[in-house]
PDB file of N, CA and C in Angstrom:
ATOM      1  N   MET A   1     114.901  75.137 109.314  1.00  0.00           N
ATOM      2  CA  MET A   1     114.175  75.461 110.525  1.00  0.00           C
ATOM      3  C   MET A   1     114.648  76.803 111.107  1.00  0.00           C
ATOM      4  N   ILE A   2     115.965  77.002 111.197  1.00  0.00           N
ATOM      5  CA  ILE A   2     116.514  78.255 111.737  1.00  0.00           C
ATOM      6  C   ILE A   2     116.071  79.432 110.872  1.00  0.00           C
ATOM      7  N   ALA A   3     116.152  79.276 109.566  1.00  0.00           N
ATOM      8  CA  ALA A   3     115.739  80.351 108.667  1.00  0.00           C
ATOM      9  C   ALA A   3     114.264  80.680 108.870  1.00  0.00           C
ATOM     10  N   ARG A   4     113.437  79.667 109.017  1.00  0.00           N
ATOM     11  CA  ARG A   4     112.004  79.895 109.196  1.00  0.00           C
ATOM     12  C   ARG A   4     111.749  80.669 110.481  1.00  0.00           C
ATOM     13  N   ILE A   5     112.460  80.329 111.531  1.00  0.00           N
ATOM     14  CA  ILE A   5     112.238  80.967 112.830  1.00  0.00           C
ATOM     15  C   ILE A   5     112.771  82.399 112.860  1.00  0.00           C
ATOM     16  N   PHE A   6     113.960  82.618 112.334  1.00  0.00           N
ATOM     17  CA  PHE A   6     114.633  83.903 112.511  1.00  0.00           C
ATOM     18  C   PHE A   6     114.664  84.805 111.273  1.00  0.00           C
ATOM     19  N   LEU A   7     114.478  84.274 110.086  1.00  0.00           N
ATOM     20  CA  LEU A   7     114.709  85.082 108.889  1.00  0.00           C
ATOM     21  C   LEU A   7     113.487  85.303 108.011  1.00  0.00           C
ATOM     22  N   ASP A   8     112.551  84.386 108.011  1.00  0.00           N
ATOM     23  CA  ASP A   8     111.415  84.500 107.089  1.00  0.00           C
ATOM     24  C   ASP A   8     110.588  85.762 107.320  1.00  0.00           C
ATOM     25  N   HIS A   9     110.173  85.995 108.541  1.00  0.00           N
ATOM     26  CA  HIS A   9     109.343  87.176 108.801  1.00  0.00           C
ATOM     27  C   HIS A   9     110.084  88.486 108.534  1.00  0.00           C
ATOM     28  N   PRO A  10     111.314  88.675 109.029  1.00  0.00           N
ATOM     29  CA  PRO A  10     112.010  89.923 108.688  1.00  0.00           C
ATOM     30  C   PRO A  10     112.124  90.142 107.176  1.00  0.00           C
ATOM     31  N   ALA A  11     112.346  89.066 106.440  1.00  0.00           N
ATOM     32  CA  ALA A  11     112.439  89.197 104.982  1.00  0.00           C
ATOM     33  C   ALA A  11     111.113  89.668 104.382  1.00  0.00           C
ATOM     34  N   LYS A  12     109.999  89.252 104.967  1.00  0.00           N
ATOM     35  CA  LYS A  12     108.681  89.668 104.464  1.00  0.00           C
ATOM     36  C   LYS A  12     108.476  91.167 104.580  1.00  0.00           C
ATOM     37  N   VAL A  13     109.130  91.808 105.529  1.00  0.00           N
ATOM     38  CA  VAL A  13     109.023  93.261 105.683  1.00  0.00           C
ATOM     39  C   VAL A  13     110.298  93.960 105.204  1.00  0.00           C
ATOM     40  N   ASP A  14     111.074  93.247 104.397  1.00  0.00           N
ATOM     41  CA  ASP A  14     112.275  93.776 103.746  1.00  0.00           C
ATOM     42  C   ASP A  14     113.308  94.284 104.758  1.00  0.00           C
ATOM     43  N   GLU A  15     113.568  93.460 105.776  1.00  0.00           N
ATOM     44  CA  GLU A  15     114.576  93.788 106.776  1.00  0.00           C
ATOM     45  C   GLU A  15     115.458  92.582 107.038  1.00  0.00           C
ATOM     46  N   THR A  16     116.652  92.860 107.526  1.00  0.00           N
ATOM     47  CA  THR A  16     117.500  91.773 108.011  1.00  0.00           C
ATOM     48  C   THR A  16     117.023  91.409 109.416  1.00  0.00           C
ATOM     49  N   PHE A  17     117.566  90.325 109.954  1.00  0.00           N
ATOM     50  CA  PHE A  17     117.221  89.932 111.321  1.00  0.00           C
ATOM     51  C   PHE A  17     117.538  91.050 112.309  1.00  0.00           C
ATOM     52  N   LEU A  18     118.735  91.638 112.197  1.00  0.00           N
ATOM     53  CA  LEU A  18     119.138  92.683 113.140  1.00  0.00           C
ATOM     54  C   LEU A  18     118.321  93.966 112.975  1.00  0.00           C
ATOM     55  N   GLU A  19     117.988  94.320 111.742  1.00  0.00           N
ATOM     56  CA  GLU A  19     117.129  95.488 111.521  1.00  0.00           C
ATOM     57  C   GLU A  19     115.759  95.262 112.160  1.00  0.00           C
ATOM     58  N   HIS A  20     115.235  94.058 111.973  1.00  0.00           N
ATOM     59  CA  HIS A  20     113.930  93.745 112.530  1.00  0.00           C
ATOM     60  C   HIS A  20     113.980  93.719 114.062  1.00  0.00           C
ATOM     61  N   MET A  21     115.057  93.201 114.607  1.00  0.00           N
ATOM     62  CA  MET A  21     115.213  93.188 116.057  1.00  0.00           C
ATOM     63  C   MET A  21     115.232  94.608 116.602  1.00  0.00           C
ATOM     64  N   ALA A  22     115.977  95.495 115.962  1.00  0.00           N
ATOM     65  CA  ALA A  22     116.051  96.883 116.411  1.00  0.00           C
ATOM     66  C   ALA A  22     114.673  97.545 116.342  1.00  0.00           C
ATOM     67  N   PHE A  23     113.958  97.312 115.250  1.00  0.00           N
ATOM     68  CA  PHE A  23     112.611  97.876 115.105  1.00  0.00           C
ATOM     69  C   PHE A  23     111.704  97.364 116.213  1.00  0.00           C
ATOM     70  N   ALA A  24     111.718  96.066 116.463  1.00  0.00           N
ATOM     71  CA  ALA A  24     110.850  95.458 117.472  1.00  0.00           C
ATOM     72  C   ALA A  24     111.210  95.930 118.878  1.00  0.00           C
ATOM     73  N   LEU A  25     112.496  96.094 119.164  1.00  0.00           N
ATOM     74  CA  LEU A  25     112.906  96.584 120.479  1.00  0.00           C
ATOM     75  C   LEU A  25     112.462  98.031 120.695  1.00  0.00           C
ATOM     76  N   LYS A  26     112.590  98.861 119.669  1.00  0.00           N
ATOM     77  CA  LYS A  26     112.128 100.248 119.782  1.00  0.00           C
ATOM     78  C   LYS A  26     110.609 100.280 119.947  1.00  0.00           C
ATOM     79  N   PHE A  27     109.912  99.441 119.197  1.00  0.00           N
ATOM     80  CA  PHE A  27     108.461  99.335 119.298  1.00  0.00           C
ATOM     81  C   PHE A  27     108.067  98.962 120.729  1.00  0.00           C
ATOM     82  N   SER A  28     108.752  97.979 121.277  1.00  0.00           N
ATOM     83  CA  SER A  28     108.491  97.531 122.640  1.00  0.00           C
ATOM     84  C   SER A  28     108.727  98.651 123.649  1.00  0.00           C
ATOM     85  N   ALA A  29     109.814  99.382 123.483  1.00  0.00           N
ATOM     86  CA  ALA A  29     110.118 100.483 124.399  1.00  0.00           C
ATOM     87  C   ALA A  29     109.029 101.548 124.353  1.00  0.00           C
ATOM     88  N   LEU A  30     108.555 101.841 123.160  1.00  0.00           N
ATOM     89  CA  LEU A  30     107.485 102.834 123.026  1.00  0.00           C
ATOM     90  C   LEU A  30     106.185 102.340 123.650  1.00  0.00           C
ATOM     91  N   LEU A  31     105.903 101.051 123.532  1.00  0.00           N
ATOM     92  CA  LEU A  31     104.720 100.495 124.188  1.00  0.00           C
ATOM     93  C   LEU A  31     104.835 100.608 125.707  1.00  0.00           C
ATOM     94  N   PHE A  32     106.019 100.359 126.251  1.00  0.00           N
ATOM     95  CA  PHE A  32     106.234 100.527 127.688  1.00  0.00           C
ATOM     96  C   PHE A  32     106.016 101.980 128.097  1.00  0.00           C
ATOM     97  N   MET A  33     106.485 102.914 127.276  1.00  0.00           N
ATOM     98  CA  MET A  33     106.271 104.331 127.563  1.00  0.00           C
ATOM     99  C   MET A  33     104.784 104.665 127.545  1.00  0.00           C
ATOM    100  N   ALA A  34     104.064 104.126 126.565  1.00  0.00           N
ATOM    101  CA  ALA A  34     102.618 104.359 126.486  1.00  0.00           C
ATOM    102  C   ALA A  34     101.921 103.791 127.718  1.00  0.00           C
ATOM    103  N   ALA A  35     102.327 102.606 128.132  1.00  0.00           N
ATOM    104  CA  ALA A  35     101.738 101.997 129.327  1.00  0.00           C
ATOM    105  C   ALA A  35     102.017 102.843 130.559  1.00  0.00           C
ATOM    106  N   GLY A  36     103.223 103.353 130.677  1.00  0.00           N
ATOM    107  CA  GLY A  36     103.568 104.213 131.810  1.00  0.00           C
ATOM    108  C   GLY A  36     102.741 105.492 131.814  1.00  0.00           C
ATOM    109  N   ALA A  37     102.576 106.091 130.649  1.00  0.00           N
ATOM    110  CA  ALA A  37     101.766 107.306 130.547  1.00  0.00           C
ATOM    111  C   ALA A  37     100.312 107.014 130.919  1.00  0.00           C
ATOM    112  N   ALA A  38      99.794 105.882 130.488  1.00  0.00           N
ATOM    113  CA  ALA A  38      98.424 105.512 130.836  1.00  0.00           C
ATOM    114  C   ALA A  38      98.285 105.276 132.338  1.00  0.00           C
ATOM    115  N   LEU A  39      99.299 104.694 132.945  1.00  0.00           N
ATOM    116  CA  LEU A  39      99.276 104.467 134.387  1.00  0.00           C
ATOM    117  C   LEU A  39      99.278 105.799 135.146  1.00  0.00           C
ATOM    118  N   VAL A  40     100.137 106.713 134.724  1.00  0.00           N
ATOM    119  CA  VAL A  40     100.164 108.044 135.347  1.00  0.00           C
ATOM    120  C   VAL A  40      98.796 108.705 135.181  1.00  0.00           C
ATOM    121  N   HIS A  41      98.242 108.638 133.990  1.00  0.00           N
ATOM    122  CA  HIS A  41      96.951 109.249 133.704  1.00  0.00           C
ATOM    123  C   HIS A  41      95.831 108.640 134.554  1.00  0.00           C
ATOM    124  N   ALA A  42      95.926 107.351 134.838  1.00  0.00           N
ATOM    125  CA  ALA A  42      94.904 106.702 135.661  1.00  0.00           C
ATOM    126  C   ALA A  42      94.836 107.311 137.056  1.00  0.00           C
ATOM    127  N   PHE A  43      95.977 107.704 137.608  1.00  0.00           N
ATOM    128  CA  PHE A  43      96.021 108.250 138.958  1.00  0.00           C
ATOM    129  C   PHE A  43      95.888 109.765 138.999  1.00  0.00           C
ATOM    130  N   VAL A  44      96.380 110.432 137.941  1.00  0.00           N
ATOM    131  CA  VAL A  44      96.297 111.899 137.877  1.00  0.00           C
ATOM    132  C   VAL A  44      95.775 112.250 136.478  1.00  0.00           C
ATOM    133  N   PRO A  45      94.465 112.290 136.332  1.00  0.00           N
ATOM    134  CA  PRO A  45      93.859 112.435 135.001  1.00  0.00           C
ATOM    135  C   PRO A  45      94.283 113.662 134.198  1.00  0.00           C
ATOM    136  N   CYS A  46      94.742 114.722 134.860  1.00  0.00           N
ATOM    137  CA  CYS A  46      95.151 115.907 134.103  1.00  0.00           C
ATOM    138  C   CYS A  46      96.538 115.748 133.474  1.00  0.00           C
ATOM    139  N   LEU A  47      97.253 114.674 133.818  1.00  0.00           N
ATOM    140  CA  LEU A  47      98.578 114.426 133.240  1.00  0.00           C
ATOM    141  C   LEU A  47      98.500 113.392 132.131  1.00  0.00           C
ATOM    142  N   CYS A  48      99.349 113.529 131.155  1.00  0.00           N
ATOM    143  CA  CYS A  48      99.483 112.549 130.059  1.00  0.00           C
ATOM    144  C   CYS A  48      98.142 112.260 129.389  1.00  0.00           C
ATOM    145  N   GLU A  49      97.363 113.285 129.166  1.00  0.00           N
ATOM    146  CA  GLU A  49      96.019 113.095 128.619  1.00  0.00           C
ATOM    147  C   GLU A  49      96.016 112.431 127.242  1.00  0.00           C
ATOM    148  N   LYS A  50      96.973 112.741 126.416  1.00  0.00           N
ATOM    149  CA  LYS A  50      96.996 112.205 125.052  1.00  0.00           C
ATOM    150  C   LYS A  50      98.288 111.467 124.734  1.00  0.00           C
ATOM    151  N   THR A  51      99.136 111.278 125.712  1.00  0.00           N
ATOM    152  CA  THR A  51     100.449 110.687 125.480  1.00  0.00           C
ATOM    153  C   THR A  51     100.357 109.256 124.969  1.00  0.00           C
ATOM    154  N   ALA A  52      99.637 108.402 125.674  1.00  0.00           N
ATOM    155  CA  ALA A  52      99.549 106.992 125.282  1.00  0.00           C
ATOM    156  C   ALA A  52      98.893 106.844 123.916  1.00  0.00           C
ATOM    157  N   SER A  53      97.801 107.539 123.689  1.00  0.00           N
ATOM    158  CA  SER A  53      97.118 107.413 122.399  1.00  0.00           C
ATOM    159  C   SER A  53      97.982 107.958 121.263  1.00  0.00           C
ATOM    160  N   GLY A  54      98.754 109.002 121.539  1.00  0.00           N
ATOM    161  CA  GLY A  54      99.657 109.542 120.514  1.00  0.00           C
ATOM    162  C   GLY A  54     100.751 108.554 120.143  1.00  0.00           C
ATOM    163  N   ILE A  55     101.303 107.881 121.145  1.00  0.00           N
ATOM    164  CA  ILE A  55     102.340 106.875 120.880  1.00  0.00           C
ATOM    165  C   ILE A  55     101.753 105.719 120.078  1.00  0.00           C
ATOM    166  N   ILE A  56     100.575 105.267 120.471  1.00  0.00           N
ATOM    167  CA  ILE A  56      99.940 104.151 119.766  1.00  0.00           C
ATOM    168  C   ILE A  56      99.600 104.539 118.327  1.00  0.00           C
ATOM    169  N   LYS A  57      99.145 105.760 118.116  1.00  0.00           N
ATOM    170  CA  LYS A  57      98.862 106.237 116.756  1.00  0.00           C
ATOM    171  C   LYS A  57     100.130 106.210 115.909  1.00  0.00           C
ATOM    172  N   THR A  58     101.230 106.696 116.478  1.00  0.00           N
ATOM    173  CA  THR A  58     102.511 106.699 115.763  1.00  0.00           C
ATOM    174  C   THR A  58     102.944 105.276 115.417  1.00  0.00           C
ATOM    175  N   LEU A  59     102.820 104.364 116.376  1.00  0.00           N
ATOM    176  CA  LEU A  59     103.208 102.970 116.121  1.00  0.00           C
ATOM    177  C   LEU A  59     102.332 102.350 115.040  1.00  0.00           C
ATOM    178  N   TYR A  60     101.053 102.628 115.067  1.00  0.00           N
ATOM    179  CA  TYR A  60     100.150 102.105 114.041  1.00  0.00           C
ATOM    180  C   TYR A  60     100.573 102.614 112.657  1.00  0.00           C
ATOM    181  N   GLU A  61     100.857 103.894 112.564  1.00  0.00           N
ATOM    182  CA  GLU A  61     101.269 104.464 111.282  1.00  0.00           C
ATOM    183  C   GLU A  61     102.550 103.848 110.765  1.00  0.00           C
ATOM    184  N   ARG A  62     103.485 103.537 111.668  1.00  0.00           N
ATOM    185  CA  ARG A  62     104.752 102.938 111.263  1.00  0.00           C
ATOM    186  C   ARG A  62     104.594 101.491 110.783  1.00  0.00           C
ATOM    187  N   THR A  63     103.593 100.803 111.280  1.00  0.00           N
ATOM    188  CA  THR A  63     103.452  99.378 110.962  1.00  0.00           C
ATOM    189  C   THR A  63     102.332  99.067 109.987  1.00  0.00           C
ATOM    190  N   HIS A  64     101.474 100.008 109.692  1.00  0.00           N
ATOM    191  CA  HIS A  64     100.265  99.743 108.915  1.00  0.00           C
ATOM    192  C   HIS A  64     100.533  99.087 107.549  1.00  0.00           C
ATOM    193  N   ASN A  65     101.507  99.552 106.851  1.00  0.00           N
ATOM    194  CA  ASN A  65     101.740  99.035 105.494  1.00  0.00           C
ATOM    195  C   ASN A  65     102.967  98.159 105.369  1.00  0.00           C
ATOM    196  N   ARG A  66     103.439  97.613 106.462  1.00  0.00           N
ATOM    197  CA  ARG A  66     104.586  96.703 106.398  1.00  0.00           C
ATOM    198  C   ARG A  66     104.119  95.330 105.955  1.00  0.00           C
ATOM    199  N   GLY A  67     104.974  94.637 105.178  1.00  0.00           N
ATOM    200  CA  GLY A  67     104.763  93.278 104.724  1.00  0.00           C
ATOM    201  C   GLY A  67     103.594  92.652 105.284  1.00  0.00           C
TER     202      GLY A  67
END
């Protein structure tokens, strides 16, 4: 049960649990940054015009061909 919960998915993308945790935490931080940029852009449209979409594009490219 523990292996299924914590180890199976990281193994599918050829990572250890800790490697996968680090990747997911960085991914999460970048999503928060994208959300912040989108929020700034909502109030001041001339700021952060492409920031959120650029971050999301980068994240998509990093995850597209993983396990």
